[in-house]
PDB file of N, CA and C in Angstrom:
ATOM      1  N   UNK A   1       8.172  70.039 116.101  1.00  0.00           N
ATOM      2  CA  UNK A   1       8.897  69.265 116.525  1.00  0.00           C
ATOM      3  C   UNK A   1       8.920  69.491 118.629  1.00  0.00           C
ATOM      4  N   UNK A   2       8.656  67.924 118.958  1.00  0.00           N
ATOM      5  CA  UNK A   2       8.192  67.672 120.495  1.00  0.00           C
ATOM      6  C   UNK A   2       9.095  68.375 121.097  1.00  0.00           C
ATOM      7  N   UNK A   3       9.314  68.522 122.386  1.00  0.00           N
ATOM      8  CA  UNK A   3       9.947  69.025 123.368  1.00  0.00           C
ATOM      9  C   UNK A   3       9.472  67.976 124.606  1.00  0.00           C
ATOM     10  N   UNK A   4      10.379  66.867 124.617  1.00  0.00           N
ATOM     11  CA  UNK A   4      10.860  65.572 125.355  1.00  0.00           C
ATOM     12  C   UNK A   4      10.822  65.961 127.415  1.00  0.00           C
ATOM     13  N   UNK A   5      10.923  67.008 127.398  1.00  0.00           N
ATOM     14  CA  UNK A   5      10.743  67.539 128.483  1.00  0.00           C
ATOM     15  C   UNK A   5       9.501  67.801 129.178  1.00  0.00           C
ATOM     16  N   UNK A   6       8.628  68.517 128.858  1.00  0.00           N
ATOM     17  CA  UNK A   6       7.319  68.537 128.871  1.00  0.00           C
ATOM     18  C   UNK A   6       6.568  67.613 129.103  1.00  0.00           C
ATOM     19  N   UNK A   7       5.615  67.595 130.155  1.00  0.00           N
ATOM     20  CA  UNK A   7       4.600  66.536 130.291  1.00  0.00           C
ATOM     21  C   UNK A   7       3.605  66.027 128.888  1.00  0.00           C
ATOM     22  N   UNK A   8       3.264  65.290 129.018  1.00  0.00           N
ATOM     23  CA  UNK A   8       2.173  64.699 127.761  1.00  0.00           C
ATOM     24  C   UNK A   8       1.285  65.633 128.733  1.00  0.00           C
ATOM     25  N   UNK A   9      -0.174  65.762 127.417  1.00  0.00           N
ATOM     26  CA  UNK A   9      -1.563  65.999 128.037  1.00  0.00           C
ATOM     27  C   UNK A   9      -1.837  65.104 129.087  1.00  0.00           C
ATOM     28  N   UNK A  10      -2.939  65.508 129.475  1.00  0.00           N
ATOM     29  CA  UNK A  10      -3.439  64.178 129.927  1.00  0.00           C
ATOM     30  C   UNK A  10      -4.895  64.049 129.429  1.00  0.00           C
ATOM     31  N   UNK A  11      -5.231  62.765 129.416  1.00  0.00           N
ATOM     32  CA  UNK A  11      -6.367  62.234 128.465  1.00  0.00           C
ATOM     33  C   UNK A  11      -5.845  62.026 126.703  1.00  0.00           C
ATOM     34  N   UNK A  12      -6.097  61.276 126.273  1.00  0.00           N
ATOM     35  CA  UNK A  12      -6.378  60.535 125.166  1.00  0.00           C
ATOM     36  C   UNK A  12      -7.031  60.947 123.632  1.00  0.00           C
ATOM     37  N   UNK A  13      -5.928  61.734 123.149  1.00  0.00           N
ATOM     38  CA  UNK A  13      -6.927  62.012 121.698  1.00  0.00           C
ATOM     39  C   UNK A  13      -8.000  61.112 121.422  1.00  0.00           C
ATOM     40  N   UNK A  14      -7.488  59.733 121.269  1.00  0.00           N
ATOM     41  CA  UNK A  14      -8.759  58.613 120.298  1.00  0.00           C
ATOM     42  C   UNK A  14      -9.832  58.841 121.342  1.00  0.00           C
ATOM     43  N   UNK A  15      -9.579  58.422 122.638  1.00  0.00           N
ATOM     44  CA  UNK A  15     -10.783  59.217 123.569  1.00  0.00           C
ATOM     45  C   UNK A  15     -12.124  60.476 123.609  1.00  0.00           C
ATOM     46  N   UNK A  16     -11.326  61.198 122.967  1.00  0.00           N
ATOM     47  CA  UNK A  16     -12.021  62.829 122.703  1.00  0.00           C
ATOM     48  C   UNK A  16     -12.435  62.534 121.160  1.00  0.00           C
ATOM     49  N   UNK A  17     -12.295  61.986 120.712  1.00  0.00           N
ATOM     50  CA  UNK A  17     -12.496  61.793 119.243  1.00  0.00           C
ATOM     51  C   UNK A  17     -13.925  60.460 119.236  1.00  0.00           C
ATOM     52  N   UNK A  18     -13.394  59.654 119.798  1.00  0.00           N
ATOM     53  CA  UNK A  18     -14.809  58.917 120.121  1.00  0.00           C
ATOM     54  C   UNK A  18     -15.894  59.449 120.983  1.00  0.00           C
ATOM     55  N   UNK A  19     -15.822  60.410 121.515  1.00  0.00           N
ATOM     56  CA  UNK A  19     -16.658  61.008 122.273  1.00  0.00           C
ATOM     57  C   UNK A  19     -17.591  61.913 121.787  1.00  0.00           C
ATOM     58  N   UNK A  20     -17.143  62.484 120.640  1.00  0.00           N
ATOM     59  CA  UNK A  20     -17.992  62.954 119.944  1.00  0.00           C
ATOM     60  C   UNK A  20     -18.883  63.207 119.215  1.00  0.00           C
ATOM     61  N   UNK A  21     -19.855  63.925 119.166  1.00  0.00           N
ATOM     62  CA  UNK A  21     -20.832  63.818 118.423  1.00  0.00           C
ATOM     63  C   UNK A  21     -20.757  63.570 116.611  1.00  0.00           C
ATOM     64  N   UNK A  22     -20.843  62.905 116.339  1.00  0.00           N
ATOM     65  CA  UNK A  22     -21.180  62.902 114.544  1.00  0.00           C
ATOM     66  C   UNK A  22     -21.954  63.492 114.035  1.00  0.00           C
ATOM     67  N   UNK A  23     -22.680  63.759 114.694  1.00  0.00           N
ATOM     68  CA  UNK A  23     -24.167  64.449 114.075  1.00  0.00           C
ATOM     69  C   UNK A  23     -24.462  65.249 113.349  1.00  0.00           C
ATOM     70  N   UNK A  24     -23.527  66.500 113.723  1.00  0.00           N
ATOM     71  CA  UNK A  24     -23.729  67.685 113.031  1.00  0.00           C
ATOM     72  C   UNK A  24     -22.473  67.322 111.570  1.00  0.00           C
ATOM     73  N   UNK A  25     -21.846  66.311 110.957  1.00  0.00           N
ATOM     74  CA  UNK A  25     -20.995  66.322 110.146  1.00  0.00           C
ATOM     75  C   UNK A  25     -22.046  66.134 108.891  1.00  0.00           C
ATOM     76  N   UNK A  26     -21.339  66.618 107.751  1.00  0.00           N
ATOM     77  CA  UNK A  26     -22.150  66.023 106.963  1.00  0.00           C
ATOM     78  C   UNK A  26     -21.182  64.429 106.136  1.00  0.00           C
ATOM     79  N   UNK A  27     -21.644  63.759 104.947  1.00  0.00           N
ATOM     80  CA  UNK A  27     -21.144  63.315 104.517  1.00  0.00           C
ATOM     81  C   UNK A  27     -19.433  63.233 104.203  1.00  0.00           C
ATOM     82  N   UNK A  28     -19.835  64.327 103.450  1.00  0.00           N
ATOM     83  CA  UNK A  28     -18.539  64.952 102.611  1.00  0.00           C
ATOM     84  C   UNK A  28     -17.234  64.963 103.980  1.00  0.00           C
ATOM     85  N   UNK A  29     -17.443  65.403 105.082  1.00  0.00           N
ATOM     86  CA  UNK A  29     -16.825  66.256 106.175  1.00  0.00           C
ATOM     87  C   UNK A  29     -16.150  64.480 106.634  1.00  0.00           C
ATOM     88  N   UNK A  30     -17.576  63.783 106.713  1.00  0.00           N
ATOM     89  CA  UNK A  30     -17.391  62.568 107.916  1.00  0.00           C
ATOM     90  C   UNK A  30     -15.617  61.630 106.575  1.00  0.00           C
ATOM     91  N   UNK A  31     -16.306  61.811 105.431  1.00  0.00           N
ATOM     92  CA  UNK A  31     -15.241  61.200 104.675  1.00  0.00           C
ATOM     93  C   UNK A  31     -13.859  61.652 104.659  1.00  0.00           C
ATOM     94  N   UNK A  32     -13.859  62.753 104.797  1.00  0.00           N
ATOM     95  CA  UNK A  32     -13.024  63.655 105.255  1.00  0.00           C
ATOM     96  C   UNK A  32     -11.942  63.420 106.564  1.00  0.00           C
ATOM     97  N   UNK A  33     -12.943  62.945 107.391  1.00  0.00           N
ATOM     98  CA  UNK A  33     -12.443  62.632 108.824  1.00  0.00           C
ATOM     99  C   UNK A  33     -12.051  61.279 108.733  1.00  0.00           C
ATOM    100  N   UNK A  34     -11.942  60.553 108.054  1.00  0.00           N
ATOM    101  CA  UNK A  34     -11.879  58.973 107.939  1.00  0.00           C
ATOM    102  C   UNK A  34     -10.824  58.511 107.378  1.00  0.00           C
ATOM    103  N   UNK A  35     -10.546  59.754 106.233  1.00  0.00           N
ATOM    104  CA  UNK A  35      -9.369  60.302 105.367  1.00  0.00           C
ATOM    105  C   UNK A  35      -8.064  60.012 106.452  1.00  0.00           C
ATOM    106  N   UNK A  36      -8.424  61.335 106.797  1.00  0.00           N
ATOM    107  CA  UNK A  36      -7.574  61.499 107.642  1.00  0.00           C
ATOM    108  C   UNK A  36      -6.917  60.749 109.822  1.00  0.00           C
ATOM    109  N   UNK A  37      -8.074  60.310 109.851  1.00  0.00           N
ATOM    110  CA  UNK A  37      -8.185  59.171 111.075  1.00  0.00           C
ATOM    111  C   UNK A  37      -7.284  58.068 109.661  1.00  0.00           C
ATOM    112  N   UNK A  38      -7.466  57.100 109.066  1.00  0.00           N
ATOM    113  CA  UNK A  38      -6.617  56.291 108.444  1.00  0.00           C
ATOM    114  C   UNK A  38      -5.485  56.823 107.985  1.00  0.00           C
ATOM    115  N   UNK A  39      -4.773  57.586 108.064  1.00  0.00           N
ATOM    116  CA  UNK A  39      -3.731  58.534 107.119  1.00  0.00           C
ATOM    117  C   UNK A  39      -2.988  58.508 109.375  1.00  0.00           C
ATOM    118  N   UNK A  40      -3.579  58.966 110.184  1.00  0.00           N
ATOM    119  CA  UNK A  40      -2.813  58.668 111.412  1.00  0.00           C
ATOM    120  C   UNK A  40      -2.780  57.562 111.881  1.00  0.00           C
ATOM    121  N   UNK A  41      -3.200  56.291 111.563  1.00  0.00           N
ATOM    122  CA  UNK A  41      -3.384  55.192 111.902  1.00  0.00           C
ATOM    123  C   UNK A  41      -1.746  54.278 110.959  1.00  0.00           C
ATOM    124  N   UNK A  42      -2.081  54.997 109.352  1.00  0.00           N
ATOM    125  CA  UNK A  42      -0.636  54.081 109.277  1.00  0.00           C
ATOM    126  C   UNK A  42       0.599  55.167 110.091  1.00  0.00           C
ATOM    127  N   UNK A  43       0.465  56.245 109.830  1.00  0.00           N
ATOM    128  CA  UNK A  43       1.379  57.179 110.473  1.00  0.00           C
ATOM    129  C   UNK A  43       2.293  56.041 112.557  1.00  0.00           C
ATOM    130  N   UNK A  44       0.973  55.974 112.781  1.00  0.00           N
ATOM    131  CA  UNK A  44       1.157  55.334 114.168  1.00  0.00           C
ATOM    132  C   UNK A  44       1.974  54.156 114.396  1.00  0.00           C
ATOM    133  N   UNK A  45       1.424  53.597 113.375  1.00  0.00           N
ATOM    134  CA  UNK A  45       1.376  51.396 112.891  1.00  0.00           C
ATOM    135  C   UNK A  45       2.919  51.796 112.804  1.00  0.00           C
ATOM    136  N   UNK A  46       3.426  52.884 111.428  1.00  0.00           N
ATOM    137  CA  UNK A  46       5.028  52.863 111.224  1.00  0.00           C
ATOM    138  C   UNK A  46       5.569  53.365 111.951  1.00  0.00           C
ATOM    139  N   UNK A  47       5.560  54.541 113.199  1.00  0.00           N
ATOM    140  CA  UNK A  47       6.168  54.199 114.447  1.00  0.00           C
ATOM    141  C   UNK A  47       6.197  53.214 115.444  1.00  0.00           C
ATOM    142  N   UNK A  48       5.304  52.443 115.286  1.00  0.00           N
ATOM    143  CA  UNK A  48       5.498  50.764 116.488  1.00  0.00           C
ATOM    144  C   UNK A  48       6.279  50.360 116.054  1.00  0.00           C
ATOM    145  N   UNK A  49       6.311  50.111 114.263  1.00  0.00           N
ATOM    146  CA  UNK A  49       7.484  49.169 113.983  1.00  0.00           C
ATOM    147  C   UNK A  49       9.207  49.816 113.988  1.00  0.00           C
ATOM    148  N   UNK A  50       9.094  51.077 113.873  1.00  0.00           N
ATOM    149  CA  UNK A  50      10.422  51.840 114.412  1.00  0.00           C
ATOM    150  C   UNK A  50      11.420  51.302 115.469  1.00  0.00           C
ATOM    151  N   UNK A  51       9.617  51.681 116.600  1.00  0.00           N
ATOM    152  CA  UNK A  51      10.489  51.410 117.669  1.00  0.00           C
ATOM    153  C   UNK A  51      10.346  50.084 118.324  1.00  0.00           C
ATOM    154  N   UNK A  52       9.991  48.882 117.340  1.00  0.00           N
ATOM    155  CA  UNK A  52      10.147  47.795 117.840  1.00  0.00           C
ATOM    156  C   UNK A  52      11.522  47.688 117.216  1.00  0.00           C
ATOM    157  N   UNK A  53      11.915  48.137 116.400  1.00  0.00           N
ATOM    158  CA  UNK A  53      12.941  47.819 115.718  1.00  0.00           C
ATOM    159  C   UNK A  53      13.809  47.993 116.895  1.00  0.00           C
ATOM    160  N   UNK A  54      13.922  48.941 116.873  1.00  0.00           N
ATOM    161  CA  UNK A  54      15.147  49.889 117.920  1.00  0.00           C
ATOM    162  C   UNK A  54      15.423  49.365 119.094  1.00  0.00           C
ATOM    163  N   UNK A  55      14.136  48.823 119.431  1.00  0.00           N
ATOM    164  CA  UNK A  55      14.171  48.018 121.263  1.00  0.00           C
ATOM    165  C   UNK A  55      14.633  46.057 120.869  1.00  0.00           C
ATOM    166  N   UNK A  56      14.612  45.655 119.684  1.00  0.00           N
ATOM    167  CA  UNK A  56      15.172  44.956 119.550  1.00  0.00           C
ATOM    168  C   UNK A  56      16.380  44.932 119.096  1.00  0.00           C
ATOM    169  N   UNK A  57      17.430  46.017 118.594  1.00  0.00           N
ATOM    170  CA  UNK A  57      18.568  46.141 118.066  1.00  0.00           C
ATOM    171  C   UNK A  57      19.098  46.428 119.864  1.00  0.00           C
ATOM    172  N   UNK A  58      18.816  47.177 120.601  1.00  0.00           N
ATOM    173  CA  UNK A  58      18.970  47.141 121.906  1.00  0.00           C
ATOM    174  C   UNK A  58      19.162  46.056 122.364  1.00  0.00           C
ATOM    175  N   UNK A  59      17.757  44.742 122.873  1.00  0.00           N
ATOM    176  CA  UNK A  59      18.038  44.097 123.378  1.00  0.00           C
ATOM    177  C   UNK A  59      19.535  42.842 122.915  1.00  0.00           C
ATOM    178  N   UNK A  60      19.335  43.023 121.466  1.00  0.00           N
ATOM    179  CA  UNK A  60      20.345  42.104 120.927  1.00  0.00           C
ATOM    180  C   UNK A  60      22.031  43.005 121.272  1.00  0.00           C
ATOM    181  N   UNK A  61      22.021  44.136 121.421  1.00  0.00           N
ATOM    182  CA  UNK A  61      23.320  44.207 121.992  1.00  0.00           C
ATOM    183  C   UNK A  61      23.444  44.512 123.393  1.00  0.00           C
ATOM    184  N   UNK A  62      22.596  44.716 124.097  1.00  0.00           N
ATOM    185  CA  UNK A  62      22.608  44.658 125.500  1.00  0.00           C
ATOM    186  C   UNK A  62      22.322  43.694 125.924  1.00  0.00           C
ATOM    187  N   UNK A  63      21.222  42.700 125.389  1.00  0.00           N
ATOM    188  CA  UNK A  63      20.387  41.652 126.042  1.00  0.00           C
ATOM    189  C   UNK A  63      19.397  41.977 126.588  1.00  0.00           C
ATOM    190  N   UNK A  64      18.930  41.043 126.469  1.00  0.00           N
ATOM    191  CA  UNK A  64      16.931  41.541 127.319  1.00  0.00           C
ATOM    192  C   UNK A  64      16.682  42.043 128.841  1.00  0.00           C
ATOM    193  N   UNK A  65      16.492  42.896 129.109  1.00  0.00           N
ATOM    194  CA  UNK A  65      15.745  43.111 130.257  1.00  0.00           C
ATOM    195  C   UNK A  65      15.056  41.804 130.972  1.00  0.00           C
ATOM    196  N   UNK A  66      15.907  41.868 132.049  1.00  0.00           N
ATOM    197  CA  UNK A  66      15.315  40.840 132.939  1.00  0.00           C
ATOM    198  C   UNK A  66      13.995  41.707 134.193  1.00  0.00           C
ATOM    199  N   UNK A  67      12.792  40.643 133.661  1.00  0.00           N
ATOM    200  CA  UNK A  67      11.544  41.515 135.303  1.00  0.00           C
ATOM    201  C   UNK A  67      10.745  41.374 134.177  1.00  0.00           C
TER     202      UNK A  67
END
């Protein structure tokens, strides 16, 4: 469970992954990496949908923020 009062680490995990040399990986390791990344994409997409629904509900209740 995350602690919301702690600051997020600097940098973007995807940027770190994109900069990594893939040369040393075998095809099986690359397949595993692809599967893990696809699962992470699905997780982030689902969370984005929940966040959008939460925001829409708040806007419906309180009105859309101006600005």
